[in-house]
Every structure is written in structure tokens, then in C-alpha cells.
Amino acid sequence: MRKTFLLLLLVFGVAGLMGPETLAFCAASTFMEHEISYFACADSTEVSALAYQITNPLGTHTGTEDIACEARDMVTCFGESGNLGDNVVTIETDWGNPGIVGCPFNSSTGQYQRVLVVVQGSNGKGVLVSLGSGGFPDLGGYVLETAHQYVAATNEFLPLDCHDKTGRPRLVAQSANPGNTFTLVLHFEPPLVNTDCDPGTFGKFQGYCLDGFQPNSAVGGVYTSVQTCGAPADLRLGSWTNTGVQPDANGDATITVTQPPADCLLIGGTSIIGGFESGAITGFLTFDAGGCHDADGDGVTDCAGDCDDANAAVHPGATEICNAIDDNCNGVVDEGVCDQSATDIVVDFHHPAGKQSGLVTWRTINEVDVIGFNVVLLGSDGSRTPQNAALIGCDECRTGLGSSYSFIIQKVKSGRNVFVEVVHQDGTVGTFGPAIRQ
């Protein structure tokens, strides 16, 4: 595996690396890997992962190839993979390896097709990442960091966190029937898909998002699979049975299943991403016929909606606090309790640090999912003029704490049109101001 490309890219730039036309096919090396960053996912046991071409999900996918690295072995998994159990997972593979089906390369256009990488950690939380054809066709592969948030000021790639929003079903209720069968009530939510077209990503920063991809994700079908307990799940759609049940408009579905005598029964769902049903199960749960559980002793079972049965402070009805956690299990994180605004915005045209320019200062109260800031001039005609060439890095970012910031801009006639933008991990931007002139 090659681990030097992205470092060279950052030092020399793209133009210095792109040589004469060199088209790589999957008969040869076609890498898909992390170079610097990683996924923050539970990896106490082997992680499940699969990648597929969005427009050809069943004809082009990574098949039986193990594409996820939980620990470095210095042969196929390198330093960024960390160690087993440290919540550091990387994707490191090659589309030319045995076990892979098809090739996501269009020989007529000379570009790699958009793919989706599906990862599920050992605790059931996962991440979905889409990489497009605008990356590195002349160099022969995909770099995962194009879909990671990139802070140019510090040359930092932020890891992507595993979470519950991958289309994983939630077991709402279950009832036993004769013949060792069970009726299950499930709830599904459309998944969150990270892409190289998202604002703030390295792909967006470098202009690699050529297709303007929007996942427009929706809930797919309900599937089941009997697999070996304790082993990493096989996410290939062909290894699962379609129940024929489609969740309703609210994401609710009712199915009847039979508990296997020895192996584990997995219940999962596909997702509609980019207009195509996923070629992988994007999220699943392991059915336990023993009934509902309250492992953390908070008085609320997992069947009753406890979304983290290992944390007694998290359950339906809990008080939502500013901590980047869905404390009350309503599917929304920190709703209405985290003021992530930029406040006390001041522009000082007499400050020694400003010289003939202006010193803009501001502070934040809470930073929960912040990746950085922009200082902009907003005109009365709706025009927007950025004052910073690269995103201004955040100090606290995801800690829930606040910090103070300053940035020098060119002197303007009035500080009344100076605003601060707060950029979030999901691409949303909050605009605050205008600045008070001193």
C-alpha cells in the first residue's frame, strides 16, 4: 500500500504530480485507502465493511475482500490503523485484489465512478462515505480523505465518527408467536452520507467534486440474514434475504422472523443513495429472542427506545445537554441547548495588531460540531466577500466548550458589513454580526 501520495499532494500541489495521460485499470493496482486520517469507530472486534459502485451496486463491489483495518500489520495495514480496540479504523485496499467483483472505472471517459464505502463498527454504529470520479484518475485510485473535513489553516484532516444514522433499524417492540417465530416492529431513518462534495471537505477544497453529487438518501427495503455469531457481518446484499417489506412513510415496518437454533439472526436495511438501492446493508441489528433489555439500569429498555443501553444518562425523556450526544433519544443531537453562535463580534481599526487593517475578534460559547470560521463582508445587494483565503480553524470544535478568536482584514469604510460565519461538520453555515466598530 502507498502512504505517501496525500503528503506529496499537500507539499507540491496537484499540478506538480499530474503527468502525461496514465489510465489505471483494475487489472492493475487501483488503490482505495486512507493516507493520513481515519474513521473513529469501535473496533474491539473485526469491523464490517464493503464498498460498491453507486450506479452498479450488484455488479461492482469489494466482494469478499477485507477492506477495513483495525490494527496495523505493516503489510496491508499501516500506521494510521492504530491498534485493536483504540477506535481507529482505516480503509486500505485495492480494486485489483482477488475477491473483488468488477471495476469502478469507465474506460470511455478515463474516470473512476462514484463509490460508496459502508462501515459498521463492533458496537453497531457505522459510517457511510461516498467518493467520486474527480479524485485522482491519473494516479490510479481513491483517497478517503477527500470526504473528510479539511482545516487548511492547520493542514488537518478531521476523522469521521461512526454513528447511529446509517439506516440501522431500531427495534421498537417484539412479541413471541407459536413455532419459535416473533413479530417485530422496527423503525428506520434515512442515513447520513458523507461525500467529497460536502462543504469543508478536502475534495471540495481541491475542486474534486466534479459531479455535484447529492446522496438524497432514503430508506430502502428490510432484509434478514443468518450468520455466525461473533464474526464480522457479511454486508453483501446477496447474502441477505429480502423480506418484501418496505417501511412506511414514517419509517415503520412490521416483520415476522424465526429465531435460528444456533447462529445469529441479523435484521438490516438497504438505503436509496443517489437514486439507486445500496449494494450493501447499510445498517443492521442482531435480534435477541430473549426479549428487551435494560443493560444500563436506567429503567428504559432498548425496545422502548433507549438508544444507548450502555449509558444510564441516555434514554427517552432524559434532559438534553450540550455534549454532542442524543441524550433523549429523539434522533436529534443537542437540539435547542447549544448556542453555537459567534458573539461579541468587534472590528478594531486602531488596534496595534491591525496596523492599516482591521482586527476582527469574536468568541463562541459552545462548539459541538464546528470545523471553522469565515470572516466575510456582506453587501446590501446580497454580495458576499470572504476575507480569509482558507477556513479559520476552531479551537474546541467538538468539546462543547467555547473560545476566543481574532483575524486581521483589510481596512473597510465601515465595520457594519463585517460578519462571522460558523461552519459546521454537516456543511451548514451560521452567519452572525454585524461587527461593532471600535
Protein backbone atom coordinates (compact mmCIF):
# COMPACT_ATOMS: atom_id res chain seq x y z
CA MET A 1 0.00 0.00 0.00
CA ARG A 2 1.12 3.52 -0.75
CA LYS A 3 1.02 6.01 2.10
CA THR A 4 2.84 8.99 0.62
CA PHE A 5 0.54 10.38 -2.08
CA LEU A 6 -1.52 12.79 0.01
CA LEU A 7 1.58 14.10 1.76
CA LEU A 8 3.13 14.86 -1.62
CA LEU A 9 -0.10 16.44 -2.79
CA LEU A 10 -0.10 18.83 0.14
CA VAL A 11 3.53 19.78 -0.41
CA PHE A 12 3.71 20.11 -4.19
CA GLY A 13 0.09 20.58 -5.25
CA VAL A 14 -1.88 18.65 -7.81
CA ALA A 15 -0.36 20.22 -10.91
CA GLY A 16 3.11 19.09 -9.96
CA LEU A 17 2.04 15.45 -9.80
CA MET A 18 -0.21 15.06 -12.82
CA GLY A 19 1.93 13.81 -15.69
CA PRO A 20 1.02 12.51 -19.14
CA GLU A 21 -2.20 10.54 -19.53
CA THR A 22 -1.90 7.37 -17.45
CA LEU A 23 -5.12 5.39 -17.17
CA ALA A 24 -5.20 2.73 -14.47
CA PHE A 25 -7.48 -0.30 -14.81
CA CYS A 26 -8.49 -2.76 -12.12
CA ALA A 27 -6.39 -5.41 -13.85
CA ALA A 28 -3.59 -3.34 -12.35
CA SER A 29 -3.33 -1.56 -9.00
CA THR A 30 -6.35 0.63 -8.17
CA PHE A 31 -5.95 1.74 -4.58
CA MET A 32 -8.68 2.93 -2.21
CA GLU A 33 -7.29 3.95 1.14
CA HIS A 34 -6.78 6.38 3.96
CA GLU A 35 -3.50 8.24 3.75
CA ILE A 36 -3.48 10.37 6.89
CA SER A 37 -6.83 10.33 8.72
CA TYR A 38 -9.20 7.55 9.85
CA PHE A 39 -12.71 6.61 10.93
CA ALA A 40 -13.39 6.89 14.67
CA CYS A 41 -15.27 3.59 15.05
CA ALA A 42 -15.45 0.90 17.71
CA ASP A 43 -13.02 -1.89 16.79
CA SER A 44 -12.90 -4.19 19.82
CA THR A 45 -13.64 -6.95 17.27
CA GLU A 46 -13.30 -7.06 13.49
CA VAL A 47 -15.16 -4.31 11.67
CA SER A 48 -17.61 -4.99 8.81
CA ALA A 49 -17.04 -3.02 5.62
CA LEU A 50 -17.95 -3.09 1.93
CA ALA A 51 -17.61 -0.65 -0.97
CA TYR A 52 -19.66 -0.62 -4.16
CA GLN A 53 -20.21 1.49 -7.28
CA ILE A 54 -23.35 3.56 -6.73
CA THR A 55 -24.66 3.16 -10.29
CA ASN A 56 -23.82 -0.56 -10.47
CA PRO A 57 -24.24 -1.79 -6.88
CA LEU A 58 -24.52 -5.52 -7.56
CA GLY A 59 -22.03 -5.67 -10.42
CA THR A 60 -19.13 -3.73 -8.90
CA HIS A 61 -18.25 -4.15 -5.23
CA THR A 62 -15.40 -5.26 -2.98
CA GLY A 63 -16.90 -8.72 -2.52
CA THR A 64 -15.05 -10.91 -0.04
CA GLU A 65 -12.06 -8.58 0.24
CA ASP A 66 -11.42 -7.34 3.79
CA ILE A 67 -11.14 -3.59 3.20
CA ALA A 68 -11.17 -2.38 6.83
CA CYS A 69 -8.06 -2.24 9.02
CA GLU A 70 -8.49 -2.32 12.80
CA ALA A 71 -4.78 -2.66 13.60
CA ARG A 72 -1.58 -2.06 11.68
CA ASP A 73 0.36 -5.07 10.45
CA MET A 74 2.78 -3.10 8.24
CA VAL A 75 1.93 -5.38 5.30
CA THR A 76 -1.56 -4.34 4.23
CA CYS A 77 -2.46 -2.08 7.19
CA PHE A 78 -0.14 0.77 8.09
CA GLY A 79 0.47 3.24 10.92
CA GLU A 80 -2.82 5.13 10.78
CA SER A 81 -4.72 1.93 11.57
CA GLY A 82 -3.63 2.04 15.20
CA ASN A 83 -4.31 -0.99 17.37
CA LEU A 84 -7.30 -3.22 18.03
CA GLY A 85 -9.69 -1.56 20.46
CA ASP A 86 -8.45 2.03 20.05
CA ASN A 87 -11.43 3.20 17.92
CA VAL A 88 -9.18 3.88 14.93
CA VAL A 89 -10.26 2.22 11.67
CA THR A 90 -8.88 2.83 8.19
CA ILE A 91 -9.85 1.68 4.71
CA GLU A 92 -6.87 0.16 2.90
CA THR A 93 -7.45 -2.00 -0.18
CA ASP A 94 -7.01 -2.28 -3.93
CA TRP A 95 -9.72 -2.84 -6.54
CA GLY A 96 -7.32 -5.21 -8.29
CA ASN A 97 -7.19 -7.64 -5.36
CA PRO A 98 -8.68 -11.16 -5.54
CA GLY A 99 -12.23 -11.40 -4.21
CA ILE A 100 -13.32 -8.05 -5.63
CA VAL A 101 -16.15 -8.01 -8.18
CA GLY A 102 -15.98 -5.63 -11.14
CA CYS A 103 -14.05 -2.40 -11.54
CA PRO A 104 -15.36 1.14 -10.91
CA PHE A 105 -13.53 2.53 -13.93
CA ASN A 106 -15.10 3.88 -17.12
CA SER A 107 -12.59 3.33 -19.91
CA SER A 108 -14.52 5.58 -22.30
CA THR A 109 -14.24 8.63 -20.02
CA GLY A 110 -11.00 7.69 -18.26
CA GLN A 111 -12.58 8.33 -14.87
CA TYR A 112 -13.37 6.30 -11.79
CA GLN A 113 -17.06 6.02 -10.98
CA ARG A 114 -18.60 7.20 -7.73
CA VAL A 115 -18.48 4.58 -4.99
CA LEU A 116 -19.96 4.23 -1.52
CA VAL A 117 -17.99 2.82 1.41
CA VAL A 118 -20.11 1.19 4.15
CA VAL A 119 -18.51 0.60 7.57
CA GLN A 120 -20.08 -0.84 10.71
CA GLY A 121 -18.10 -0.90 13.94
CA SER A 122 -18.16 -3.57 16.62
CA ASN A 123 -20.79 -1.62 18.62
CA GLY A 124 -23.28 -1.41 15.73
CA LYS A 125 -22.51 2.21 14.86
CA GLY A 126 -21.18 2.96 11.41
CA VAL A 127 -20.34 5.49 8.73
CA LEU A 128 -21.24 5.88 5.04
CA VAL A 129 -18.81 7.69 2.74
CA SER A 130 -19.10 8.44 -0.97
CA LEU A 131 -16.09 9.17 -3.19
CA GLY A 132 -16.45 10.46 -6.74
CA SER A 133 -14.59 10.30 -10.03
CA GLY A 134 -12.95 13.69 -9.65
CA GLY A 135 -10.18 12.47 -7.37
CA PHE A 136 -7.03 11.02 -8.82
CA PRO A 137 -7.69 9.13 -12.08
CA ASP A 138 -4.14 9.68 -13.36
CA LEU A 139 -2.72 8.24 -10.16
CA GLY A 140 -4.97 5.20 -10.13
CA GLY A 141 -7.35 5.21 -7.19
CA TYR A 142 -9.43 6.76 -4.43
CA VAL A 143 -8.25 8.67 -1.35
CA LEU A 144 -10.69 8.58 1.60
CA GLU A 145 -9.52 11.96 2.88
CA THR A 146 -11.34 13.71 0.02
CA ALA A 147 -14.56 13.13 2.02
CA HIS A 148 -13.02 14.22 5.34
CA GLN A 149 -13.30 17.74 6.70
CA TYR A 150 -10.09 19.65 6.00
CA VAL A 151 -8.78 22.62 8.02
CA ALA A 152 -6.40 24.40 5.67
CA ALA A 153 -5.07 26.76 8.35
CA THR A 154 -3.62 23.85 10.30
CA ASN A 155 -3.35 21.37 7.40
CA GLU A 156 -5.51 18.97 9.42
CA PHE A 157 -7.86 16.20 8.31
CA LEU A 158 -10.58 15.53 10.87
CA PRO A 159 -11.57 11.90 11.46
CA LEU A 160 -15.11 10.84 10.58
CA ASP A 161 -17.10 9.45 13.51
CA CYS A 162 -19.20 6.30 13.41
CA HIS A 163 -22.81 6.95 14.47
CA ASP A 164 -26.34 5.51 14.51
CA LYS A 165 -27.50 7.29 11.35
CA THR A 166 -26.60 4.67 8.74
CA GLY A 167 -30.11 3.37 8.17
CA ARG A 168 -29.76 0.93 11.06
CA PRO A 169 -33.20 -0.25 12.29
CA ARG A 170 -34.38 0.33 15.84
CA LEU A 171 -36.38 -2.45 17.47
CA VAL A 172 -39.49 -0.78 18.87
CA ALA A 173 -41.34 -3.86 20.10
CA GLN A 174 -41.38 -7.64 19.79
CA SER A 175 -43.87 -10.39 20.59
CA ALA A 176 -43.47 -14.18 20.59
CA ASN A 177 -45.64 -16.41 18.40
CA PRO A 178 -46.06 -20.20 18.27
CA GLY A 179 -43.33 -22.13 16.47
CA ASN A 180 -40.39 -20.02 17.67
CA THR A 181 -41.43 -17.09 15.49
CA PHE A 182 -41.53 -13.47 16.54
CA THR A 183 -43.33 -10.38 15.31
CA LEU A 184 -41.06 -7.34 15.32
CA VAL A 185 -41.90 -3.68 14.99
CA LEU A 186 -38.97 -1.75 13.51
CA HIS A 187 -38.22 1.89 12.80
CA PHE A 188 -35.84 3.18 10.12
CA GLU A 189 -34.44 6.63 9.43
CA PRO A 190 -32.76 7.78 6.16
CA PRO A 191 -28.99 7.55 6.51
CA LEU A 192 -26.41 10.32 6.73
CA VAL A 193 -23.89 10.06 3.88
CA ASN A 194 -20.55 11.90 3.95
CA THR A 195 -19.25 12.84 0.49
CA ASP A 196 -16.31 14.57 -1.15
CA CYS A 197 -18.80 17.24 -2.32
CA ASP A 198 -19.67 18.34 1.23
CA PRO A 199 -18.65 21.89 2.24
CA GLY A 200 -15.38 21.94 4.16
CA THR A 201 -14.07 18.63 2.81
CA PHE A 202 -10.70 18.21 1.15
CA GLY A 203 -12.49 17.17 -2.04
CA LYS A 204 -14.45 20.41 -2.09
CA PHE A 205 -11.35 22.41 -1.16
CA GLN A 206 -9.33 20.95 -4.06
CA GLY A 207 -12.21 21.04 -6.56
CA TYR A 208 -12.51 17.26 -6.90
CA CYS A 209 -16.30 17.28 -6.71
CA LEU A 210 -16.93 17.25 -10.45
CA ASP A 211 -20.44 15.79 -10.45
CA GLY A 212 -22.03 17.89 -7.67
CA PHE A 213 -23.20 14.66 -6.08
CA GLN A 214 -26.12 14.78 -3.65
CA PRO A 215 -26.97 11.48 -1.94
CA ASN A 216 -30.68 12.34 -1.42
CA SER A 217 -30.76 9.32 0.88
CA ALA A 218 -33.95 7.44 1.68
CA VAL A 219 -34.96 4.21 3.42
CA GLY A 220 -34.74 1.08 1.26
CA GLY A 221 -36.01 -2.44 1.98
CA VAL A 222 -35.93 -4.71 5.04
CA TYR A 223 -33.62 -7.75 4.90
CA THR A 224 -32.60 -10.60 7.20
CA SER A 225 -29.60 -12.92 7.30
CA VAL A 226 -28.50 -15.85 9.46
CA GLN A 227 -24.77 -15.55 10.11
CA THR A 228 -22.16 -16.87 12.51
CA CYS A 229 -22.37 -15.15 15.89
CA GLY A 230 -19.31 -13.07 16.77
CA ALA A 231 -17.96 -12.97 13.21
CA PRO A 232 -17.89 -9.75 11.15
CA ALA A 233 -21.14 -9.41 9.24
CA ASP A 234 -21.22 -10.05 5.51
CA LEU A 235 -22.78 -6.86 4.18
CA ARG A 236 -23.16 -8.03 0.57
CA LEU A 237 -26.81 -7.80 -0.46
CA GLY A 238 -26.65 -11.29 -1.97
CA SER A 239 -26.02 -12.74 1.50
CA TRP A 240 -29.33 -11.38 2.80
CA THR A 241 -32.99 -12.31 2.26
CA ASN A 242 -35.45 -9.64 1.17
CA THR A 243 -38.48 -9.76 3.48
CA GLY A 244 -40.57 -7.99 0.86
CA VAL A 245 -41.48 -5.40 3.48
CA GLN A 246 -40.96 -1.72 2.78
CA PRO A 247 -41.06 0.75 5.70
CA ASP A 248 -43.97 3.17 5.51
CA ALA A 249 -43.69 6.94 5.12
CA ASN A 250 -42.82 7.26 8.82
CA GLY A 251 -40.07 4.64 8.54
CA ASP A 252 -42.02 1.96 10.43
CA ALA A 253 -42.18 -1.70 9.42
CA THR A 254 -43.52 -4.93 10.93
CA ILE A 255 -41.97 -8.30 10.06
CA THR A 256 -42.21 -11.89 11.33
CA VAL A 257 -38.96 -13.83 11.82
CA THR A 258 -37.83 -17.26 13.01
CA GLN A 259 -35.07 -17.47 15.59
CA PRO A 260 -32.27 -19.79 14.36
CA PRO A 261 -31.20 -22.54 16.80
CA ALA A 262 -27.50 -21.66 16.94
CA ASP A 263 -26.39 -18.85 14.62
CA CYS A 264 -27.39 -15.21 14.92
CA LEU A 265 -30.28 -13.58 13.09
CA LEU A 266 -29.34 -10.19 11.66
CA ILE A 267 -32.01 -7.69 10.65
CA GLY A 268 -30.98 -4.79 8.47
CA GLY A 269 -31.95 -2.46 5.72
CA THR A 270 -30.75 -1.02 2.47
CA SER A 271 -30.77 2.64 1.59
CA ILE A 272 -31.57 4.57 -1.56
CA ILE A 273 -28.47 6.67 -2.28
CA GLY A 274 -28.01 8.73 -5.40
CA GLY A 275 -31.18 7.18 -6.84
CA PHE A 276 -30.01 3.55 -6.51
CA GLU A 277 -30.67 0.92 -3.86
CA SER A 278 -27.46 0.26 -1.96
CA GLY A 279 -25.43 -2.80 -2.88
CA ALA A 280 -24.84 -3.37 0.83
CA ILE A 281 -26.81 -3.50 4.04
CA THR A 282 -26.07 -0.04 5.40
CA GLY A 283 -27.15 -0.78 8.98
CA PHE A 284 -28.29 -3.81 10.96
CA LEU A 285 -29.05 -5.15 14.42
CA THR A 286 -28.66 -8.63 15.91
CA PHE A 287 -32.03 -9.99 17.03
CA ASP A 288 -32.18 -11.41 20.55
CA ALA A 289 -35.21 -13.60 21.16
CA GLY A 290 -34.66 -13.23 24.88
CA GLY A 291 -36.67 -10.03 24.80
CA CYS A 292 -36.00 -6.40 25.59
CA HIS A 293 -33.05 -5.30 27.71
CA ASP A 294 -32.10 -2.59 30.17
CA ALA A 295 -28.37 -3.18 30.45
CA ASP A 296 -27.60 0.24 31.94
CA GLY A 297 -30.37 0.08 34.58
CA ASP A 298 -31.94 3.41 33.69
CA GLY A 299 -35.46 1.96 33.69
CA VAL A 300 -35.87 2.22 29.89
CA THR A 301 -35.38 -0.84 27.66
CA ASP A 302 -33.86 -0.88 24.22
CA CYS A 303 -37.26 -1.91 22.85
CA ALA A 304 -38.74 1.19 24.47
CA GLY A 305 -36.31 3.40 22.58
CA ASP A 306 -33.15 3.53 24.73
CA CYS A 307 -30.64 4.43 22.00
CA ASP A 308 -27.57 3.74 24.20
CA ASP A 309 -28.21 0.94 26.64
CA ALA A 310 -24.64 1.23 27.95
CA ASN A 311 -25.18 4.77 29.25
CA ALA A 312 -27.77 5.32 32.00
CA ALA A 313 -27.84 9.07 31.30
CA VAL A 314 -29.14 8.46 27.77
CA HIS A 315 -32.76 7.39 27.25
CA PRO A 316 -36.12 8.81 26.10
CA GLY A 317 -37.18 11.56 28.49
CA ALA A 318 -33.64 12.44 29.59
CA THR A 319 -32.62 16.09 29.70
CA GLU A 320 -30.77 17.15 26.57
CA ILE A 321 -27.47 18.82 27.38
CA CYS A 322 -24.73 20.29 25.20
CA ASN A 323 -22.45 17.29 24.73
CA ALA A 324 -22.76 16.15 21.08
CA ILE A 325 -24.92 13.20 22.26
CA ASP A 326 -28.59 12.50 21.62
CA ASP A 327 -29.41 12.35 25.35
CA ASN A 328 -33.18 11.97 24.95
CA CYS A 329 -33.04 9.52 22.01
CA ASN A 330 -35.24 11.58 19.72
CA GLY A 331 -32.83 11.37 16.80
CA VAL A 332 -31.59 14.95 17.18
CA VAL A 333 -28.33 15.90 18.87
CA ASP A 334 -28.22 18.88 21.27
CA GLU A 335 -31.43 20.40 19.94
CA GLY A 336 -32.02 23.88 21.32
CA VAL A 337 -29.45 23.61 24.10
CA CYS A 338 -26.21 24.51 22.40
CA ASP A 339 -25.68 28.11 21.42
CA GLN A 340 -23.05 27.69 18.69
CA SER A 341 -23.21 31.29 17.58
CA ALA A 342 -20.34 33.72 17.17
CA THR A 343 -20.87 36.55 19.63
CA ASP A 344 -19.19 39.79 20.79
CA ILE A 345 -18.01 40.43 17.22
CA VAL A 346 -15.84 43.56 17.12
CA VAL A 347 -13.69 45.14 14.38
CA ASP A 348 -10.93 47.43 15.67
CA PHE A 349 -9.24 49.71 13.13
CA HIS A 350 -6.92 51.22 15.77
CA HIS A 351 -5.51 48.08 17.33
CA PRO A 352 -1.69 47.80 17.03
CA ALA A 353 -2.03 44.34 15.53
CA GLY A 354 -4.21 45.72 12.79
CA LYS A 355 -1.82 48.44 11.54
CA GLN A 356 -3.54 49.81 8.44
CA SER A 357 -6.04 47.00 8.56
CA GLY A 358 -8.75 45.91 10.95
CA LEU A 359 -8.62 43.34 13.71
CA VAL A 360 -11.83 41.30 13.93
CA THR A 361 -12.42 39.49 17.23
CA TRP A 362 -15.23 37.20 18.36
CA ARG A 363 -15.94 34.40 20.77
CA THR A 364 -18.02 31.25 20.92
CA ILE A 365 -20.00 29.82 23.83
CA ASN A 366 -20.29 26.22 22.69
CA GLU A 367 -18.53 24.34 19.92
CA VAL A 368 -20.11 20.95 19.33
CA ASP A 369 -19.78 20.21 15.62
CA VAL A 370 -17.78 23.21 14.40
CA ILE A 371 -15.00 22.87 11.83
CA GLY A 372 -14.05 26.54 11.46
CA PHE A 373 -14.99 30.12 10.65
CA ASN A 374 -15.07 32.66 7.82
CA VAL A 375 -14.91 36.44 8.11
CA VAL A 376 -16.98 37.97 5.31
CA LEU A 377 -18.23 41.32 4.07
CA LEU A 378 -21.93 41.25 3.22
CA GLY A 379 -23.16 43.95 0.87
CA SER A 380 -26.62 45.48 0.81
CA ASP A 381 -27.04 43.90 -2.63
CA GLY A 382 -26.55 40.43 -1.16
CA SER A 383 -22.92 40.12 -2.24
CA ARG A 384 -20.54 38.09 -0.08
CA THR A 385 -16.80 38.85 0.01
CA PRO A 386 -14.67 36.40 2.04
CA GLN A 387 -11.72 37.94 3.89
CA ASN A 388 -9.90 34.67 4.65
CA ALA A 389 -8.43 32.51 1.89
CA ALA A 390 -8.73 29.31 3.93
CA LEU A 391 -11.11 28.27 6.70
CA ILE A 392 -10.12 29.71 10.09
CA GLY A 393 -9.58 26.74 12.39
CA CYS A 394 -11.64 26.17 15.54
CA ASP A 395 -10.08 25.65 18.99
CA GLU A 396 -12.67 23.49 20.74
CA CYS A 397 -14.59 22.19 17.70
CA ARG A 398 -16.41 19.22 19.32
CA THR A 399 -15.78 19.60 23.04
CA GLY A 400 -18.87 21.69 23.83
CA LEU A 401 -16.66 24.49 25.16
CA GLY A 402 -16.15 27.96 23.71
CA SER A 403 -13.12 30.01 22.74
CA SER A 404 -11.97 33.45 21.54
CA TYR A 405 -10.69 34.30 18.07
CA SER A 406 -9.14 37.13 16.08
CA PHE A 407 -8.42 37.72 12.40
CA ILE A 408 -6.93 40.67 10.50
CA ILE A 409 -8.80 42.02 7.48
CA GLN A 410 -8.13 44.87 5.07
CA LYS A 411 -9.45 48.18 6.24
CA VAL A 412 -13.00 48.88 5.12
CA LYS A 413 -15.08 52.04 5.32
CA SER A 414 -17.48 50.62 7.84
CA GLY A 415 -17.47 47.68 10.16
CA ARG A 416 -21.20 47.36 9.79
CA ASN A 417 -20.89 44.87 6.97
CA VAL A 418 -18.35 42.58 8.71
CA PHE A 419 -19.85 39.21 9.67
CA VAL A 420 -18.54 35.92 11.02
CA GLU A 421 -19.68 32.58 9.58
CA VAL A 422 -19.66 29.45 11.75
CA VAL A 423 -19.14 26.36 9.57
CA HIS A 424 -20.43 23.02 10.89
CA GLN A 425 -19.40 19.45 10.13
CA ASP A 426 -22.60 18.73 8.21
CA GLY A 427 -21.91 21.67 5.88
CA THR A 428 -24.41 24.10 7.40
CA VAL A 429 -23.25 27.66 7.97
CA GLY A 430 -24.48 30.14 10.57
CA THR A 431 -23.90 33.86 9.89
CA PHE A 432 -23.53 36.28 12.80
CA GLY A 433 -22.98 40.02 13.05
CA PRO A 434 -22.57 42.68 12.00
CA ALA A 435 -19.41 43.54 13.91
CA ILE A 436 -19.35 46.51 16.27
CA ARG A 437 -16.72 49.03 15.16
CA GLN A 438 -14.23 50.40 17.65
